[in-house]
Every structure is written in structure tokens, then in C-alpha cells.
Amino acid sequence: MIAGAAGAVAMTLAEKVEQRLTGRPDSRVPARVLERLTGLPEMPAGQPVPLNLAMHLGQGCLLGVLRGMMATAGLRGPWSSAMFWVVRLTNDQTLENATGVGAPPWTWPRRELVVDLLHKGVYAFTTGVVADRLAERHGLGPGQVHANIAPGRAADVAPPPRGRRTLARR
């Protein structure tokens, strides 16, 4: 959750910088999704900043748990953060489309799509860096131990013994 919170804060700060540079207004989408998911009364006008922040931080923290699990299992580094980027985008789009607040991304103006992809990338990679650093304190993950025995997806190599968290690299 710590990694996800760090990613959400970094994404929010990146959005604010981008908005100052481009003049793009705040999006009401996160707040409207939260209103729909929780049954809160919908506010048609105005920008409910607390709801937007609650949705950003809430989603960020919850999804950060998944990235932490990935790092603990040995899925660390930029490739793992790229996989997680897709999870973050999928989560947003599922919630936005299921509540009727959003539309599929391929229907968006290209500029909006690029901005969203960049901001979610900031979240995913920041979350990944923090999760990876926290997981490193416990040594290699099981997947990394297995890769040290035989790189790749080696079906003919048994999993490492339970509890074996460190193994010298070949």
C-alpha cells in the first residue's frame, strides 16, 4: 500500500504540473466514478476535490498491494512495472465504463489518451520502484531464485525448496 500511495502522489503531482503547462482543467471522472460506486449523491457542477483525491489515493493504495505482491514474488524492474501499467489502465477503464462515467479509450481524442497514458505510467513506474525497494529487503523472490537455477520458463527444473529466498547468481 505504501508503494501505491507513493505512486498516486507522484501521479497527482505530475498531473498538476502538466495542467499548469497545458491549461487542461481538472477531470471530474475519478470523483464521478466514486460517487457511482458508493451511491453518494452526484454533484453535476463543481469539482469535488476531496472525492477526486480519495479515488486517486484509494485506487493507488489498493493496486499498490498487487505491485507489492509482484515484487515479493520476484517480478521486479521496468518490465514488471510495464505489466503493472496495463493493470492500472485496465482497472481505471473497467470502473469508468462499468459506471457509465467514461468511454472506451479508443473513442477519446488522441491528446487526452496520451496524457492519461503518461500519468498512469508515472503511477506504475513510481509504484514499481518503491515496491521493488521494499521487496529487496527480503532477498530474492521465488521467481528470481528459479531463474537463477535455470533462466527462462524451465518446466524440467523443480521449484526451489520452500523458504529458500537467496541463491547466488550464476
Protein backbone atom coordinates (compact mmCIF):
# COMPACT_ATOMS: atom_id res chain seq x y z
CA MET A 1 0.00 0.00 0.00
CA ILE A 2 2.93 2.31 0.71
CA ALA A 3 4.23 1.85 -2.84
CA GLY A 4 0.78 2.53 -4.28
CA ALA A 5 0.38 5.67 -2.17
CA ALA A 6 3.77 6.91 -3.40
CA GLY A 7 2.71 6.23 -6.99
CA ALA A 8 -0.61 8.02 -6.52
CA VAL A 9 1.11 11.07 -5.03
CA ALA A 10 3.64 11.14 -7.89
CA MET A 11 0.84 10.82 -10.47
CA THR A 12 -1.18 13.61 -8.86
CA LEU A 13 1.86 15.91 -8.76
CA ALA A 14 2.66 15.12 -12.41
CA GLU A 15 -0.94 15.94 -13.34
CA LYS A 16 -0.77 19.29 -11.58
CA VAL A 17 2.49 20.20 -13.35
CA GLU A 18 1.06 19.12 -16.72
CA GLN A 19 -2.14 21.11 -16.09
CA ARG A 20 -0.15 24.25 -15.33
CA LEU A 21 1.81 23.83 -18.56
CA THR A 22 -1.13 22.92 -20.81
CA GLY A 23 -4.03 24.73 -19.17
CA ARG A 24 -6.01 21.47 -19.04
CA PRO A 25 -8.68 21.61 -16.32
CA ASP A 26 -9.08 19.00 -13.58
CA SER A 27 -11.01 15.91 -14.56
CA ARG A 28 -14.20 15.14 -12.69
CA VAL A 29 -14.10 11.50 -13.78
CA PRO A 30 -12.49 10.00 -10.63
CA ALA A 31 -15.00 11.76 -8.36
CA ARG A 32 -17.95 10.75 -10.53
CA VAL A 33 -16.82 7.11 -10.56
CA LEU A 34 -16.53 7.18 -6.76
CA GLU A 35 -19.99 8.77 -6.47
CA ARG A 36 -21.44 5.98 -8.62
CA LEU A 37 -19.59 3.17 -6.85
CA THR A 38 -20.54 4.33 -3.35
CA GLY A 39 -24.04 5.62 -4.05
CA LEU A 40 -23.10 9.14 -2.99
CA PRO A 41 -25.27 11.89 -4.45
CA GLU A 42 -23.87 13.03 -7.78
CA MET A 43 -22.82 16.67 -7.98
CA PRO A 44 -23.39 17.83 -11.55
CA ALA A 45 -21.43 21.06 -11.17
CA GLY A 46 -18.21 21.93 -9.44
CA GLN A 47 -15.07 20.00 -8.73
CA PRO A 48 -15.27 17.79 -5.64
CA VAL A 49 -11.53 17.80 -4.94
CA PRO A 50 -11.78 15.57 -1.85
CA LEU A 51 -13.59 12.86 -3.85
CA ASN A 52 -11.03 13.04 -6.66
CA LEU A 53 -8.18 12.71 -4.18
CA ALA A 54 -9.94 9.88 -2.35
CA MET A 55 -10.37 7.97 -5.61
CA HIS A 56 -6.76 8.61 -6.71
CA LEU A 57 -5.28 7.57 -3.37
CA GLY A 58 -7.74 4.74 -2.78
CA GLN A 59 -7.13 3.13 -6.16
CA GLY A 60 -3.43 3.80 -5.88
CA CYS A 61 -3.11 2.15 -2.48
CA LEU A 62 -5.25 -0.86 -3.36
CA LEU A 63 -3.48 -1.53 -6.65
CA GLY A 64 -0.15 -0.95 -4.93
CA VAL A 65 -0.81 -4.13 -2.96
CA LEU A 66 -0.76 -6.07 -6.23
CA ARG A 67 2.52 -4.46 -7.32
CA GLY A 68 3.97 -5.30 -3.91
CA MET A 69 2.93 -8.92 -4.36
CA MET A 70 4.55 -8.92 -7.79
CA ALA A 71 7.82 -7.59 -6.34
CA THR A 72 7.76 -10.07 -3.46
CA ALA A 73 7.30 -12.94 -5.94
CA GLY A 74 10.34 -11.75 -7.87
CA LEU A 75 8.63 -9.73 -10.62
CA ARG A 76 10.74 -6.61 -10.28
CA GLY A 77 12.16 -3.92 -12.50
CA PRO A 78 10.91 -1.99 -15.54
CA TRP A 79 9.29 -4.98 -17.29
CA SER A 80 7.19 -5.68 -14.22
CA SER A 81 6.25 -2.03 -13.91
CA ALA A 82 5.20 -2.04 -17.58
CA MET A 83 2.97 -5.06 -16.90
CA PHE A 84 1.54 -3.21 -13.91
CA TRP A 85 0.93 -0.10 -16.06
CA VAL A 86 -1.51 -2.19 -18.10
CA VAL A 87 -3.23 -3.35 -14.89
CA ARG A 88 -3.65 0.27 -13.76
CA LEU A 89 -5.11 1.30 -17.10
CA THR A 90 -7.42 -1.72 -17.16
CA ASN A 91 -8.65 -1.01 -13.63
CA ASP A 92 -9.49 2.60 -14.49
CA GLN A 93 -11.25 1.73 -17.71
CA THR A 94 -13.25 -1.09 -16.15
CA LEU A 95 -14.54 1.14 -13.36
CA GLU A 96 -15.18 4.14 -15.62
CA ASN A 97 -17.01 2.14 -18.27
CA ALA A 98 -18.94 -0.08 -15.82
CA THR A 99 -20.32 3.00 -14.05
CA GLY A 100 -21.11 4.78 -17.32
CA VAL A 101 -18.84 7.69 -16.41
CA GLY A 102 -16.23 7.00 -19.09
CA ALA A 103 -15.99 5.76 -22.62
CA PRO A 104 -13.58 3.24 -24.19
CA PRO A 105 -10.16 4.85 -24.70
CA TRP A 106 -10.12 4.29 -28.46
CA THR A 107 -13.00 6.79 -28.67
CA TRP A 108 -11.07 9.53 -26.86
CA PRO A 109 -9.31 12.46 -28.51
CA ARG A 110 -5.67 11.41 -29.01
CA ARG A 111 -4.28 14.18 -26.79
CA GLU A 112 -6.44 13.05 -23.84
CA LEU A 113 -5.36 9.47 -24.39
CA VAL A 114 -1.66 10.36 -24.44
CA VAL A 115 -1.98 12.45 -21.27
CA ASP A 116 -3.79 9.62 -19.46
CA LEU A 117 -1.22 7.05 -20.57
CA LEU A 118 1.64 9.25 -19.37
CA HIS A 119 0.10 9.91 -15.97
CA LYS A 120 -0.73 6.24 -15.40
CA GLY A 121 2.85 5.44 -16.45
CA VAL A 122 4.16 7.79 -13.77
CA TYR A 123 1.98 5.95 -11.25
CA ALA A 124 3.01 2.46 -12.40
CA PHE A 125 6.75 3.09 -12.53
CA THR A 126 6.88 5.06 -9.26
CA THR A 127 4.87 2.34 -7.53
CA GLY A 128 7.21 -0.24 -9.03
CA VAL A 129 10.38 1.45 -7.82
CA VAL A 130 9.05 1.70 -4.26
CA ALA A 131 7.63 -1.85 -4.23
CA ASP A 132 10.86 -3.27 -5.63
CA ARG A 133 12.96 -1.48 -2.99
CA LEU A 134 10.71 -2.71 -0.19
CA ALA A 135 10.77 -6.30 -1.52
CA GLU A 136 14.57 -6.29 -1.90
CA ARG A 137 14.86 -6.15 1.88
CA HIS A 138 13.64 -9.78 1.93
CA GLY A 139 16.06 -11.04 -0.71
CA LEU A 140 15.23 -12.68 -3.99
CA GLY A 141 11.68 -13.70 -4.76
CA PRO A 142 10.81 -17.31 -5.63
CA GLY A 143 10.69 -16.49 -9.35
CA GLN A 144 14.17 -14.96 -9.20
CA VAL A 145 15.52 -18.00 -7.35
CA HIS A 146 14.06 -20.27 -10.03
CA ALA A 147 15.55 -18.10 -12.79
CA ASN A 148 18.97 -18.41 -11.13
CA ILE A 149 18.67 -22.21 -11.28
CA ALA A 150 17.68 -22.18 -14.95
CA PRO A 151 16.85 -18.95 -16.82
CA GLY A 152 13.52 -18.80 -18.59
CA ARG A 153 10.44 -20.91 -18.14
CA ALA A 154 12.12 -24.21 -17.43
CA ALA A 155 9.46 -26.84 -16.86
CA ASP A 156 12.08 -29.54 -16.29
CA VAL A 157 13.52 -27.69 -13.26
CA ALA A 158 11.74 -28.22 -9.96
CA PRO A 159 10.74 -25.17 -7.94
CA PRO A 160 13.27 -24.14 -5.29
CA PRO A 161 12.69 -25.62 -1.84
CA ARG A 162 10.16 -23.73 0.24
CA GLY A 163 11.65 -20.94 2.25
CA ARG A 164 14.82 -20.70 0.16
CA ARG A 165 14.99 -16.99 -0.59
CA THR A 166 18.60 -16.49 -1.54
CA LEU A 167 20.73 -18.19 -4.13
CA ALA A 168 23.88 -16.83 -5.68
CA ARG A 169 23.51 -15.74 -9.29
CA ARG A 170 25.25 -17.93 -11.84
